[in-house]
N, C-alpha and C. Protein backbone atom coordinates (compact mmCIF):
# COMPACT_ATOMS: atom_id res chain seq x y z
N UNK A 1 199.66 101.47 62.34
CA UNK A 1 200.90 100.69 62.52
C UNK A 1 200.67 99.28 61.97
N UNK A 2 201.38 98.93 60.89
CA UNK A 2 201.31 97.57 60.37
C UNK A 2 202.11 96.64 61.27
N UNK A 3 201.90 95.38 61.11
CA UNK A 3 202.59 94.39 61.92
C UNK A 3 201.79 93.11 61.99
N UNK A 4 201.01 92.85 60.94
CA UNK A 4 200.21 91.63 60.88
C UNK A 4 201.15 90.44 60.70
N UNK A 5 201.25 89.63 61.73
CA UNK A 5 202.18 88.50 61.76
C UNK A 5 201.39 87.21 61.73
N UNK A 6 201.79 86.29 60.88
CA UNK A 6 201.06 85.02 60.79
C UNK A 6 201.98 83.86 60.43
N UNK A 7 201.49 82.66 60.70
CA UNK A 7 202.18 81.44 60.27
C UNK A 7 201.15 80.53 59.60
N UNK A 8 201.62 79.79 58.61
CA UNK A 8 200.73 78.88 57.89
C UNK A 8 201.41 77.53 57.70
N UNK A 9 200.73 76.47 58.15
CA UNK A 9 201.19 75.09 57.98
C UNK A 9 202.62 74.91 58.50
N UNK A 10 202.89 75.48 59.66
CA UNK A 10 204.25 75.56 60.19
C UNK A 10 204.72 74.23 60.79
N UNK A 11 205.93 73.85 60.41
CA UNK A 11 206.63 72.72 61.02
C UNK A 11 208.09 73.10 61.18
N UNK A 12 208.70 72.58 62.25
CA UNK A 12 210.11 72.90 62.48
C UNK A 12 210.77 71.75 63.23
N UNK A 13 212.01 71.43 62.81
CA UNK A 13 212.86 70.49 63.53
C UNK A 13 214.28 71.02 63.50
N UNK A 14 215.03 70.80 64.58
CA UNK A 14 216.38 71.33 64.67
C UNK A 14 217.39 70.55 63.84
N UNK A 15 216.99 69.41 63.30
CA UNK A 15 217.88 68.63 62.45
C UNK A 15 217.22 67.32 62.08
N UNK A 16 217.84 66.60 61.16
CA UNK A 16 217.29 65.31 60.72
C UNK A 16 217.19 64.36 61.90
N UNK A 17 216.04 63.79 62.08
CA UNK A 17 215.81 62.86 63.17
C UNK A 17 215.37 63.52 64.46
N UNK A 18 215.43 64.85 64.53
CA UNK A 18 214.99 65.57 65.73
C UNK A 18 213.47 65.64 65.78
N UNK A 19 212.95 65.84 66.97
CA UNK A 19 211.51 65.96 67.14
C UNK A 19 210.97 67.13 66.32
N UNK A 20 209.88 66.87 65.58
CA UNK A 20 209.26 67.94 64.81
C UNK A 20 208.25 68.67 65.68
N UNK A 21 208.26 69.98 65.57
CA UNK A 21 207.37 70.83 66.35
C UNK A 21 206.29 71.45 65.49
N UNK A 22 205.19 71.78 66.09
CA UNK A 22 204.11 72.64 65.58
C UNK A 22 203.07 71.94 64.72
N UNK A 23 203.37 70.78 64.13
CA UNK A 23 202.35 69.95 63.49
C UNK A 23 201.45 70.73 62.52
N UNK A 24 202.07 71.55 61.68
CA UNK A 24 201.30 72.28 60.69
C UNK A 24 200.51 73.45 61.26
N UNK A 25 201.05 74.07 62.29
CA UNK A 25 200.38 75.15 63.00
C UNK A 25 200.08 76.33 62.08
N UNK A 26 198.86 76.82 62.14
CA UNK A 26 198.44 78.00 61.38
C UNK A 26 197.77 78.98 62.33
N UNK A 27 198.21 80.24 62.29
CA UNK A 27 197.62 81.23 63.19
C UNK A 27 197.99 82.63 62.72
N UNK A 28 197.06 83.56 62.88
CA UNK A 28 197.32 84.98 62.64
C UNK A 28 197.33 85.70 63.99
N UNK A 29 198.42 86.39 64.28
CA UNK A 29 198.55 87.15 65.52
C UNK A 29 198.02 88.55 65.30
N UNK A 30 197.11 88.95 66.15
CA UNK A 30 196.35 90.17 65.92
C UNK A 30 197.14 91.42 66.30
N UNK A 31 197.30 92.37 65.37
CA UNK A 31 197.87 93.66 65.75
C UNK A 31 196.96 94.35 66.77
N UNK A 32 197.57 95.07 67.69
CA UNK A 32 196.78 95.75 68.72
C UNK A 32 196.41 94.86 69.88
N UNK A 33 197.02 93.67 69.94
CA UNK A 33 196.71 92.73 71.01
C UNK A 33 197.98 92.09 71.54
N UNK A 34 197.94 91.71 72.82
CA UNK A 34 199.01 90.93 73.43
C UNK A 34 198.57 89.48 73.44
N UNK A 35 199.32 88.62 72.74
CA UNK A 35 199.01 87.20 72.66
C UNK A 35 200.05 86.41 73.43
N UNK A 36 199.60 85.52 74.31
CA UNK A 36 200.51 84.67 75.06
C UNK A 36 200.59 83.30 74.41
N UNK A 37 201.81 82.78 74.28
CA UNK A 37 202.04 81.40 73.88
C UNK A 37 202.31 80.60 75.14
N UNK A 38 201.56 79.53 75.34
CA UNK A 38 201.77 78.73 76.53
C UNK A 38 201.66 77.25 76.17
N UNK A 39 201.93 76.40 77.14
CA UNK A 39 201.89 74.96 76.92
C UNK A 39 203.01 74.29 77.68
N UNK A 40 203.01 72.96 77.74
CA UNK A 40 204.03 72.24 78.49
C UNK A 40 205.43 72.48 77.96
N UNK A 41 206.43 72.27 78.81
CA UNK A 41 207.81 72.38 78.40
C UNK A 41 208.08 71.42 77.24
N UNK A 42 208.85 71.88 76.27
CA UNK A 42 209.18 71.05 75.13
C UNK A 42 208.26 71.20 73.94
N UNK A 43 207.22 72.00 74.08
CA UNK A 43 206.27 72.18 72.98
C UNK A 43 206.74 73.24 71.98
N UNK A 44 207.78 73.98 72.31
CA UNK A 44 208.37 74.87 71.32
C UNK A 44 207.98 76.33 71.43
N UNK A 45 207.63 76.79 72.63
CA UNK A 45 207.22 78.20 72.78
C UNK A 45 208.36 79.14 72.37
N UNK A 46 209.53 78.92 72.94
CA UNK A 46 210.66 79.80 72.61
C UNK A 46 211.07 79.63 71.15
N UNK A 47 211.06 78.39 70.68
CA UNK A 47 211.41 78.14 69.27
C UNK A 47 210.47 78.88 68.34
N UNK A 48 209.19 78.90 68.65
CA UNK A 48 208.24 79.61 67.81
C UNK A 48 208.56 81.10 67.77
N UNK A 49 208.96 81.68 68.88
CA UNK A 49 209.36 83.09 68.87
C UNK A 49 210.53 83.32 67.93
N UNK A 50 211.50 82.42 67.95
CA UNK A 50 212.66 82.56 67.07
C UNK A 50 212.26 82.41 65.60
N UNK A 51 211.30 81.55 65.34
CA UNK A 51 210.79 81.40 63.96
C UNK A 51 210.04 82.66 63.55
N UNK A 52 209.17 83.17 64.43
CA UNK A 52 208.42 84.38 64.13
C UNK A 52 209.36 85.57 63.92
N UNK A 53 210.46 85.61 64.66
CA UNK A 53 211.42 86.70 64.56
C UNK A 53 212.46 86.51 63.47
N UNK A 54 212.28 85.45 62.66
CA UNK A 54 213.15 85.19 61.49
C UNK A 54 214.58 84.87 61.88
N UNK A 55 214.77 84.36 63.08
CA UNK A 55 216.07 83.88 63.51
C UNK A 55 216.25 82.41 63.17
N UNK A 56 215.14 81.69 63.01
CA UNK A 56 215.13 80.30 62.57
C UNK A 56 214.21 80.19 61.36
N UNK A 57 214.54 79.27 60.45
CA UNK A 57 213.75 79.07 59.24
C UNK A 57 212.91 77.80 59.39
N UNK A 58 211.62 77.86 59.11
CA UNK A 58 210.78 76.67 59.25
C UNK A 58 211.27 75.51 58.38
N UNK A 59 211.04 74.29 58.84
CA UNK A 59 211.27 73.12 58.01
C UNK A 59 210.29 73.12 56.85
N UNK A 60 209.06 73.51 57.14
CA UNK A 60 208.06 73.72 56.10
C UNK A 60 207.04 74.72 56.62
N UNK A 61 206.25 75.27 55.70
CA UNK A 61 205.30 76.30 56.07
C UNK A 61 205.93 77.68 55.94
N UNK A 62 205.16 78.70 56.26
CA UNK A 62 205.63 80.07 56.04
C UNK A 62 205.30 80.98 57.23
N UNK A 63 206.13 82.00 57.37
CA UNK A 63 205.86 83.12 58.26
C UNK A 63 205.57 84.32 57.38
N UNK A 64 204.49 85.03 57.67
CA UNK A 64 204.14 86.20 56.88
C UNK A 64 204.14 87.45 57.77
N UNK A 65 204.54 88.55 57.17
CA UNK A 65 204.51 89.85 57.83
C UNK A 65 203.78 90.81 56.90
N UNK A 66 202.67 91.34 57.37
CA UNK A 66 201.81 92.20 56.54
C UNK A 66 201.43 91.52 55.24
N UNK A 67 201.16 90.21 55.34
CA UNK A 67 200.67 89.46 54.20
C UNK A 67 201.73 88.97 53.24
N UNK A 68 203.00 89.29 53.50
CA UNK A 68 204.10 88.90 52.63
C UNK A 68 204.87 87.76 53.28
N UNK A 69 205.10 86.67 52.53
CA UNK A 69 205.89 85.56 53.06
C UNK A 69 207.34 86.00 53.22
N UNK A 70 207.86 85.92 54.43
CA UNK A 70 209.20 86.43 54.71
C UNK A 70 210.16 85.37 55.21
N UNK A 71 209.67 84.22 55.63
CA UNK A 71 210.55 83.21 56.23
C UNK A 71 211.53 82.62 55.24
N UNK A 72 211.22 82.67 53.95
CA UNK A 72 212.12 82.15 52.94
C UNK A 72 212.98 83.21 52.29
N UNK A 73 212.96 84.42 52.80
CA UNK A 73 213.74 85.51 52.22
C UNK A 73 215.23 85.30 52.49
N UNK A 74 216.06 86.06 51.80
CA UNK A 74 217.51 85.97 51.99
C UNK A 74 217.89 86.39 53.41
N UNK A 75 219.09 85.99 53.81
CA UNK A 75 219.58 86.37 55.14
C UNK A 75 219.59 87.88 55.30
N UNK A 76 219.98 88.60 54.26
CA UNK A 76 220.07 90.05 54.34
C UNK A 76 218.70 90.68 54.53
N UNK A 77 217.71 90.18 53.80
CA UNK A 77 216.36 90.72 53.93
C UNK A 77 215.80 90.44 55.32
N UNK A 78 215.99 89.22 55.80
CA UNK A 78 215.49 88.87 57.14
C UNK A 78 216.19 89.69 58.22
N UNK A 79 217.50 89.90 58.07
CA UNK A 79 218.23 90.72 59.05
C UNK A 79 217.69 92.15 59.05
N UNK A 80 217.39 92.67 57.88
CA UNK A 80 216.84 94.02 57.80
C UNK A 80 215.48 94.13 58.45
N UNK A 81 214.64 93.12 58.25
CA UNK A 81 213.32 93.11 58.87
C UNK A 81 213.44 93.02 60.39
N UNK A 82 214.35 92.18 60.88
CA UNK A 82 214.54 92.07 62.33
C UNK A 82 214.98 93.40 62.91
N UNK A 83 215.89 94.07 62.21
CA UNK A 83 216.43 95.32 62.74
C UNK A 83 215.38 96.42 62.78
N UNK A 84 214.52 96.47 61.76
CA UNK A 84 213.62 97.60 61.61
C UNK A 84 212.20 97.34 62.08
N UNK A 85 211.77 96.06 62.11
CA UNK A 85 210.36 95.78 62.35
C UNK A 85 210.09 94.99 63.62
N UNK A 86 211.13 94.37 64.21
CA UNK A 86 210.92 93.42 65.31
C UNK A 86 211.74 93.83 66.52
N UNK A 87 211.11 93.81 67.70
CA UNK A 87 211.80 94.01 68.96
C UNK A 87 211.79 92.73 69.77
N UNK A 88 212.95 92.29 70.25
CA UNK A 88 213.06 91.05 71.00
C UNK A 88 213.33 91.33 72.48
N UNK A 89 212.67 90.56 73.34
CA UNK A 89 213.01 90.55 74.76
C UNK A 89 213.34 89.09 75.09
N UNK A 90 214.63 88.77 75.12
CA UNK A 90 215.05 87.40 75.35
C UNK A 90 215.03 87.07 76.84
N UNK A 91 214.95 85.77 77.13
CA UNK A 91 214.79 85.33 78.52
C UNK A 91 215.98 85.72 79.39
N UNK A 92 217.19 85.72 78.81
CA UNK A 92 218.37 86.04 79.62
C UNK A 92 218.87 87.46 79.40
N UNK A 93 218.06 88.29 78.78
CA UNK A 93 218.33 89.71 78.54
C UNK A 93 219.42 89.96 77.48
N UNK A 94 220.47 89.13 77.47
CA UNK A 94 221.52 89.20 76.44
C UNK A 94 222.10 90.61 76.28
N UNK A 95 222.52 91.17 77.38
CA UNK A 95 223.17 92.47 77.35
C UNK A 95 224.69 92.28 77.30
N UNK A 96 225.36 93.06 76.48
CA UNK A 96 226.81 92.97 76.35
C UNK A 96 227.47 93.37 77.67
N UNK A 97 228.20 92.45 78.32
CA UNK A 97 228.76 92.75 79.64
C UNK A 97 229.87 93.79 79.62
N UNK A 98 230.39 94.10 78.44
CA UNK A 98 231.52 95.03 78.35
C UNK A 98 231.08 96.46 78.09
N UNK A 99 229.80 96.68 77.85
CA UNK A 99 229.34 98.00 77.45
C UNK A 99 228.41 98.59 78.50
N UNK A 100 228.31 99.91 78.49
CA UNK A 100 227.38 100.58 79.40
C UNK A 100 225.95 100.17 79.08
N UNK A 101 225.11 100.22 80.10
CA UNK A 101 223.70 99.91 79.95
C UNK A 101 223.07 100.75 78.84
N UNK A 102 223.35 102.04 78.82
CA UNK A 102 222.77 102.92 77.81
C UNK A 102 223.16 102.46 76.40
N UNK A 103 224.41 102.08 76.21
CA UNK A 103 224.86 101.63 74.89
C UNK A 103 224.15 100.35 74.48
N UNK A 104 223.92 99.43 75.42
CA UNK A 104 223.22 98.20 75.11
C UNK A 104 221.78 98.47 74.69
N UNK A 105 221.15 99.46 75.32
CA UNK A 105 219.78 99.83 74.96
C UNK A 105 219.74 100.43 73.56
N UNK A 106 220.74 101.23 73.22
CA UNK A 106 220.76 101.94 71.94
C UNK A 106 221.14 101.04 70.76
N UNK A 107 221.88 99.98 71.01
CA UNK A 107 222.53 99.23 69.94
C UNK A 107 221.61 98.76 68.81
N UNK A 108 220.48 98.08 69.07
CA UNK A 108 219.67 97.61 67.96
C UNK A 108 219.12 98.73 67.08
N UNK A 109 218.73 99.83 67.69
CA UNK A 109 218.20 100.95 66.90
C UNK A 109 219.28 101.61 66.06
N UNK A 110 220.51 101.65 66.58
CA UNK A 110 221.62 102.17 65.78
C UNK A 110 221.88 101.25 64.59
N UNK A 111 221.79 99.95 64.83
CA UNK A 111 221.97 98.98 63.74
C UNK A 111 220.92 99.16 62.67
N UNK A 112 219.73 99.58 63.07
CA UNK A 112 218.64 99.79 62.11
C UNK A 112 218.80 101.08 61.32
N UNK A 113 219.82 101.88 61.65
CA UNK A 113 220.11 103.06 60.85
C UNK A 113 219.73 104.39 61.48
N UNK A 114 219.26 104.38 62.73
CA UNK A 114 218.90 105.63 63.39
C UNK A 114 220.13 106.34 63.94
N UNK A 115 220.05 107.65 64.06
CA UNK A 115 221.14 108.44 64.60
C UNK A 115 221.09 108.44 66.13
N UNK A 116 222.27 108.31 66.73
CA UNK A 116 222.35 108.27 68.19
C UNK A 116 221.70 109.49 68.83
N UNK A 117 221.96 110.67 68.27
CA UNK A 117 221.40 111.89 68.85
C UNK A 117 219.88 111.89 68.83
N UNK A 118 219.30 111.26 67.80
CA UNK A 118 217.84 111.20 67.72
C UNK A 118 217.26 110.21 68.72
N UNK A 119 218.04 109.21 69.08
CA UNK A 119 217.56 108.15 69.95
C UNK A 119 217.67 108.48 71.43
N UNK A 120 218.62 109.32 71.80
CA UNK A 120 218.90 109.54 73.22
C UNK A 120 217.70 110.00 74.04
N UNK A 121 216.88 110.96 73.54
CA UNK A 121 215.73 111.38 74.36
C UNK A 121 214.76 110.23 74.65
N UNK A 122 214.47 109.41 73.65
CA UNK A 122 213.54 108.29 73.89
C UNK A 122 214.18 107.24 74.80
N UNK A 123 215.47 106.97 74.60
CA UNK A 123 216.15 106.00 75.46
C UNK A 123 216.12 106.47 76.92
N UNK A 124 216.38 107.75 77.14
CA UNK A 124 216.35 108.30 78.49
C UNK A 124 214.96 108.20 79.09
N UNK A 125 213.94 108.49 78.29
CA UNK A 125 212.56 108.42 78.78
C UNK A 125 212.18 106.99 79.15
N UNK A 126 212.61 106.02 78.35
CA UNK A 126 212.31 104.62 78.66
C UNK A 126 213.03 104.17 79.93
N UNK A 127 214.28 104.55 80.09
CA UNK A 127 215.00 104.19 81.30
C UNK A 127 214.34 104.80 82.53
N UNK A 128 213.86 106.02 82.40
CA UNK A 128 213.16 106.66 83.53
C UNK A 128 211.84 105.94 83.81
N UNK A 129 211.12 105.58 82.76
CA UNK A 129 209.82 104.91 82.94
C UNK A 129 209.97 103.63 83.75
N UNK A 130 211.07 102.90 83.49
CA UNK A 130 211.25 101.61 84.15
C UNK A 130 212.21 101.68 85.33
N UNK A 131 212.40 102.90 85.85
CA UNK A 131 213.18 103.07 87.07
C UNK A 131 214.64 102.74 86.93
N UNK A 132 215.22 103.01 85.76
CA UNK A 132 216.59 102.60 85.48
C UNK A 132 217.51 103.76 85.10
N UNK A 133 217.01 104.97 85.19
CA UNK A 133 217.80 106.11 84.74
C UNK A 133 219.15 106.19 85.45
N UNK A 134 219.17 105.86 86.74
CA UNK A 134 220.42 105.96 87.49
C UNK A 134 221.40 104.85 87.14
N UNK A 135 220.96 103.88 86.34
CA UNK A 135 221.82 102.77 85.94
C UNK A 135 222.42 102.95 84.55
N UNK A 136 222.14 104.06 83.89
CA UNK A 136 222.52 104.24 82.49
C UNK A 136 224.02 104.07 82.25
N UNK A 137 224.84 104.49 83.21
CA UNK A 137 226.29 104.43 83.03
C UNK A 137 226.91 103.15 83.61
N UNK A 138 226.09 102.28 84.17
CA UNK A 138 226.59 101.04 84.75
C UNK A 138 226.83 100.00 83.65
N UNK A 139 227.59 98.96 83.98
CA UNK A 139 227.73 97.78 83.14
C UNK A 139 226.65 96.78 83.54
N UNK A 140 226.23 95.88 82.61
CA UNK A 140 225.19 94.91 82.95
C UNK A 140 225.50 94.07 84.19
N UNK A 141 226.78 93.82 84.46
CA UNK A 141 227.14 93.05 85.64
C UNK A 141 226.88 93.77 86.94
N UNK A 142 226.55 95.06 86.85
CA UNK A 142 226.29 95.86 88.05
C UNK A 142 224.80 96.07 88.29
N UNK A 143 223.95 95.35 87.56
CA UNK A 143 222.51 95.46 87.75
C UNK A 143 221.95 94.08 88.09
N UNK A 144 220.79 94.07 88.73
CA UNK A 144 220.16 92.81 89.12
C UNK A 144 219.52 92.13 87.91
N UNK A 145 219.11 90.88 88.10
CA UNK A 145 218.44 90.16 87.02
C UNK A 145 217.15 90.84 86.59
N UNK A 146 216.40 91.34 87.56
CA UNK A 146 215.16 92.04 87.24
C UNK A 146 215.41 93.32 86.48
N UNK A 147 216.46 94.05 86.88
CA UNK A 147 216.80 95.28 86.18
C UNK A 147 217.27 94.98 84.76
N UNK A 148 218.04 93.91 84.60
CA UNK A 148 218.50 93.53 83.27
C UNK A 148 217.32 93.20 82.35
N UNK A 149 216.30 92.56 82.91
CA UNK A 149 215.12 92.24 82.10
C UNK A 149 214.39 93.51 81.68
N UNK A 150 214.30 94.48 82.58
CA UNK A 150 213.67 95.75 82.22
C UNK A 150 214.51 96.52 81.20
N UNK A 151 215.82 96.39 81.28
CA UNK A 151 216.69 97.01 80.28
C UNK A 151 216.47 96.39 78.90
N UNK A 152 216.29 95.07 78.88
CA UNK A 152 216.01 94.39 77.61
C UNK A 152 214.69 94.88 77.02
N UNK A 153 213.73 95.18 77.87
CA UNK A 153 212.45 95.72 77.41
C UNK A 153 212.65 97.12 76.82
N UNK A 154 213.44 97.95 77.48
CA UNK A 154 213.74 99.28 76.94
C UNK A 154 214.36 99.16 75.56
N UNK A 155 215.30 98.25 75.42
CA UNK A 155 215.99 98.05 74.14
C UNK A 155 215.01 97.62 73.05
N UNK A 156 214.07 96.75 73.40
CA UNK A 156 213.10 96.27 72.41
C UNK A 156 212.13 97.36 71.99
N UNK A 157 211.77 98.24 72.91
CA UNK A 157 210.79 99.28 72.62
C UNK A 157 211.39 100.51 71.93
N UNK A 158 212.70 100.69 72.04
CA UNK A 158 213.33 101.93 71.59
C UNK A 158 213.07 102.23 70.12
N UNK A 159 213.13 101.22 69.29
CA UNK A 159 213.00 101.40 67.85
C UNK A 159 211.54 101.48 67.39
N UNK A 160 210.61 101.42 68.35
CA UNK A 160 209.18 101.45 68.06
C UNK A 160 208.81 100.42 66.99
N UNK A 161 209.14 99.15 67.23
CA UNK A 161 208.93 98.11 66.22
C UNK A 161 207.45 97.78 66.03
N UNK A 162 207.12 97.25 64.87
CA UNK A 162 205.75 96.82 64.60
C UNK A 162 205.40 95.55 65.36
N UNK A 163 206.42 94.72 65.62
CA UNK A 163 206.23 93.43 66.29
C UNK A 163 207.16 93.35 67.49
N UNK A 164 206.63 92.92 68.63
CA UNK A 164 207.44 92.70 69.83
C UNK A 164 207.29 91.23 70.23
N UNK A 165 208.42 90.55 70.40
CA UNK A 165 208.44 89.14 70.78
C UNK A 165 209.19 89.02 72.10
N UNK A 166 208.58 88.37 73.09
CA UNK A 166 209.17 88.30 74.42
C UNK A 166 209.14 86.87 74.95
N UNK A 167 210.27 86.42 75.46
CA UNK A 167 210.40 85.05 75.98
C UNK A 167 210.47 85.09 77.50
N UNK A 168 209.42 84.65 78.16
CA UNK A 168 209.34 84.62 79.63
C UNK A 168 209.79 85.96 80.23
N UNK A 169 209.17 87.06 79.83
CA UNK A 169 209.65 88.38 80.25
C UNK A 169 209.44 88.68 81.72
N UNK A 170 208.61 87.90 82.43
CA UNK A 170 208.40 88.14 83.85
C UNK A 170 209.11 87.11 84.72
N UNK A 171 209.95 86.28 84.10
CA UNK A 171 210.58 85.18 84.83
C UNK A 171 211.55 85.63 85.90
N UNK A 172 212.19 86.81 85.72
CA UNK A 172 213.22 87.26 86.66
C UNK A 172 212.81 88.52 87.42
N UNK A 173 211.52 88.82 87.44
CA UNK A 173 211.10 90.05 88.11
C UNK A 173 210.01 89.74 89.13
N UNK A 174 209.88 90.63 90.14
CA UNK A 174 208.83 90.45 91.13
C UNK A 174 207.50 90.92 90.55
N UNK A 175 206.43 90.77 91.31
CA UNK A 175 205.10 91.05 90.79
C UNK A 175 204.92 92.52 90.41
N UNK A 176 205.50 93.42 91.18
CA UNK A 176 205.36 94.84 90.85
C UNK A 176 206.01 95.14 89.51
N UNK A 177 207.19 94.58 89.29
CA UNK A 177 207.87 94.80 88.02
C UNK A 177 207.21 94.01 86.89
N UNK A 178 206.66 92.85 87.21
CA UNK A 178 205.92 92.10 86.19
C UNK A 178 204.73 92.92 85.69
N UNK A 179 204.05 93.59 86.61
CA UNK A 179 202.93 94.44 86.22
C UNK A 179 203.41 95.59 85.34
N UNK A 180 204.58 96.15 85.64
CA UNK A 180 205.15 97.23 84.85
C UNK A 180 205.48 96.76 83.43
N UNK A 181 206.09 95.58 83.33
CA UNK A 181 206.43 95.01 82.03
C UNK A 181 205.17 94.73 81.22
N UNK A 182 204.18 94.14 81.87
CA UNK A 182 202.95 93.81 81.15
C UNK A 182 202.20 95.06 80.72
N UNK A 183 202.25 96.10 81.55
CA UNK A 183 201.64 97.38 81.18
C UNK A 183 202.31 97.95 79.92
N UNK A 184 203.64 97.81 79.84
CA UNK A 184 204.35 98.30 78.66
C UNK A 184 203.93 97.55 77.40
N UNK A 185 203.76 96.24 77.51
CA UNK A 185 203.30 95.46 76.37
C UNK A 185 201.88 95.86 75.97
N UNK A 186 201.05 96.03 76.96
CA UNK A 186 199.66 96.41 76.69
C UNK A 186 199.57 97.77 76.02
N UNK A 187 200.36 98.72 76.50
CA UNK A 187 200.39 100.04 75.87
C UNK A 187 200.87 99.94 74.43
N UNK A 188 201.93 99.15 74.21
CA UNK A 188 202.47 99.00 72.86
C UNK A 188 201.44 98.42 71.90
N UNK A 189 200.63 97.49 72.42
CA UNK A 189 199.61 96.87 71.58
C UNK A 189 198.38 97.76 71.43
N UNK A 190 197.78 98.15 72.54
CA UNK A 190 196.49 98.83 72.51
C UNK A 190 196.60 100.27 72.01
N UNK A 191 197.66 100.97 72.40
CA UNK A 191 197.77 102.38 72.04
C UNK A 191 198.50 102.60 70.71
N UNK A 192 199.47 101.74 70.40
CA UNK A 192 200.26 101.93 69.18
C UNK A 192 199.94 100.90 68.10
N UNK A 193 199.08 99.93 68.42
CA UNK A 193 198.66 98.96 67.41
C UNK A 193 199.70 97.92 67.06
N UNK A 194 200.69 97.72 67.94
CA UNK A 194 201.73 96.73 67.65
C UNK A 194 201.24 95.31 67.92
N UNK A 195 201.90 94.36 67.28
CA UNK A 195 201.64 92.95 67.52
C UNK A 195 202.61 92.48 68.59
N UNK A 196 202.10 92.01 69.72
CA UNK A 196 202.95 91.57 70.83
C UNK A 196 202.68 90.09 71.10
N UNK A 197 203.74 89.29 71.08
CA UNK A 197 203.63 87.85 71.33
C UNK A 197 204.59 87.50 72.46
N UNK A 198 204.04 86.87 73.50
CA UNK A 198 204.80 86.57 74.71
C UNK A 198 204.75 85.08 75.00
N UNK A 199 205.90 84.43 75.08
CA UNK A 199 205.97 83.04 75.52
C UNK A 199 206.04 83.02 77.03
N UNK A 200 205.12 82.31 77.68
CA UNK A 200 205.06 82.36 79.15
C UNK A 200 204.31 81.17 79.71
N UNK A 201 204.64 80.86 80.95
CA UNK A 201 203.82 79.93 81.72
C UNK A 201 203.33 80.60 83.00
N UNK A 202 203.53 81.90 83.09
CA UNK A 202 203.21 82.68 84.29
C UNK A 202 201.70 82.97 84.33
N UNK A 203 200.98 82.44 85.33
CA UNK A 203 199.53 82.71 85.41
C UNK A 203 199.22 84.20 85.50
N UNK A 204 200.09 84.97 86.13
CA UNK A 204 199.89 86.42 86.24
C UNK A 204 199.75 87.05 84.85
N UNK A 205 200.59 86.60 83.91
CA UNK A 205 200.53 87.10 82.53
C UNK A 205 199.32 86.53 81.81
N UNK A 206 199.11 85.24 81.93
CA UNK A 206 198.04 84.57 81.18
C UNK A 206 196.67 85.14 81.51
N UNK A 207 196.49 85.62 82.74
CA UNK A 207 195.21 86.18 83.14
C UNK A 207 194.98 87.60 82.61
N UNK A 208 196.04 88.21 82.06
CA UNK A 208 195.95 89.64 81.73
C UNK A 208 196.18 89.96 80.26
N UNK A 209 196.47 88.96 79.44
CA UNK A 209 196.70 89.22 78.02
C UNK A 209 195.36 89.19 77.27
N UNK A 210 195.42 89.56 75.99
CA UNK A 210 194.20 89.61 75.18
C UNK A 210 193.83 88.26 74.59
N UNK A 211 194.82 87.41 74.33
CA UNK A 211 194.57 86.11 73.72
C UNK A 211 195.63 85.13 74.19
N UNK A 212 195.25 83.85 74.27
CA UNK A 212 196.17 82.79 74.68
C UNK A 212 196.17 81.71 73.61
N UNK A 213 197.35 81.32 73.16
CA UNK A 213 197.51 80.22 72.21
C UNK A 213 198.27 79.12 72.94
N UNK A 214 197.67 77.95 73.02
CA UNK A 214 198.30 76.80 73.70
C UNK A 214 198.91 75.88 72.67
N UNK A 215 200.21 75.64 72.80
CA UNK A 215 200.92 74.75 71.87
C UNK A 215 200.87 73.32 72.38
C-alpha cells in the first residue's frame, strides 16, 4: 500500500499580514505508522492536516505523495487525490444532517467512483465494528457526539485510503471508545500499511502512537 506523505520547507499563512506557520517544516510521515501531531494551541496542528489533505495550499514549500509534488496541482487533480487516496476524520464529524447515517458513510466513496452495491457490505461491517449498525437508518441529529465521531471514522475507512488524517478524533468520546478509535488507526497503519496522521493533545493517544511530531 503506497501512501508516502511528506512536506518540504513548508510555510503557510491564511492571508497577507497573518501569522506564518510551520517555519519551513520538513518531515516524511512513515507508511505503516500512526503519527501524532501535537503542540500548543495556535501552532497549526489542524491547519497542517488541511495542507496535507490538499484542502489548503502552502504559501511556500511542497506536499508530496509517493514522491510526487501534489500541493501545486490543479484543483481537479487535488480533488481526485482527496477522493481516492485520503480519508478525513474531522473534529466535528461533518455529517449531513438531512441524510441517513448510512448515506453519510457511503458518500465519499461514491464520489470516488465506487458502486453503492459494492460498498454496502464493507459499510455494514464497519458500522457493526464500531457498534453503530442499529443507527444506520437514523439521521445524524439522532446520534450522540461520540457516535457521530465513530461514524466519521467509518466514512474515512470505507474507501480504504492510503492516507488517513484525523483531527482530535478522541475529543468527543469516552476512554473505551477512544481505545476503539485508536485500535482502528493502528490496524489501518500496521496491518494495511497506511499512513495515519492524527492531530491531538490527548495524552491517551500520545502514549500509544508510533511517532510524535511537536509543532
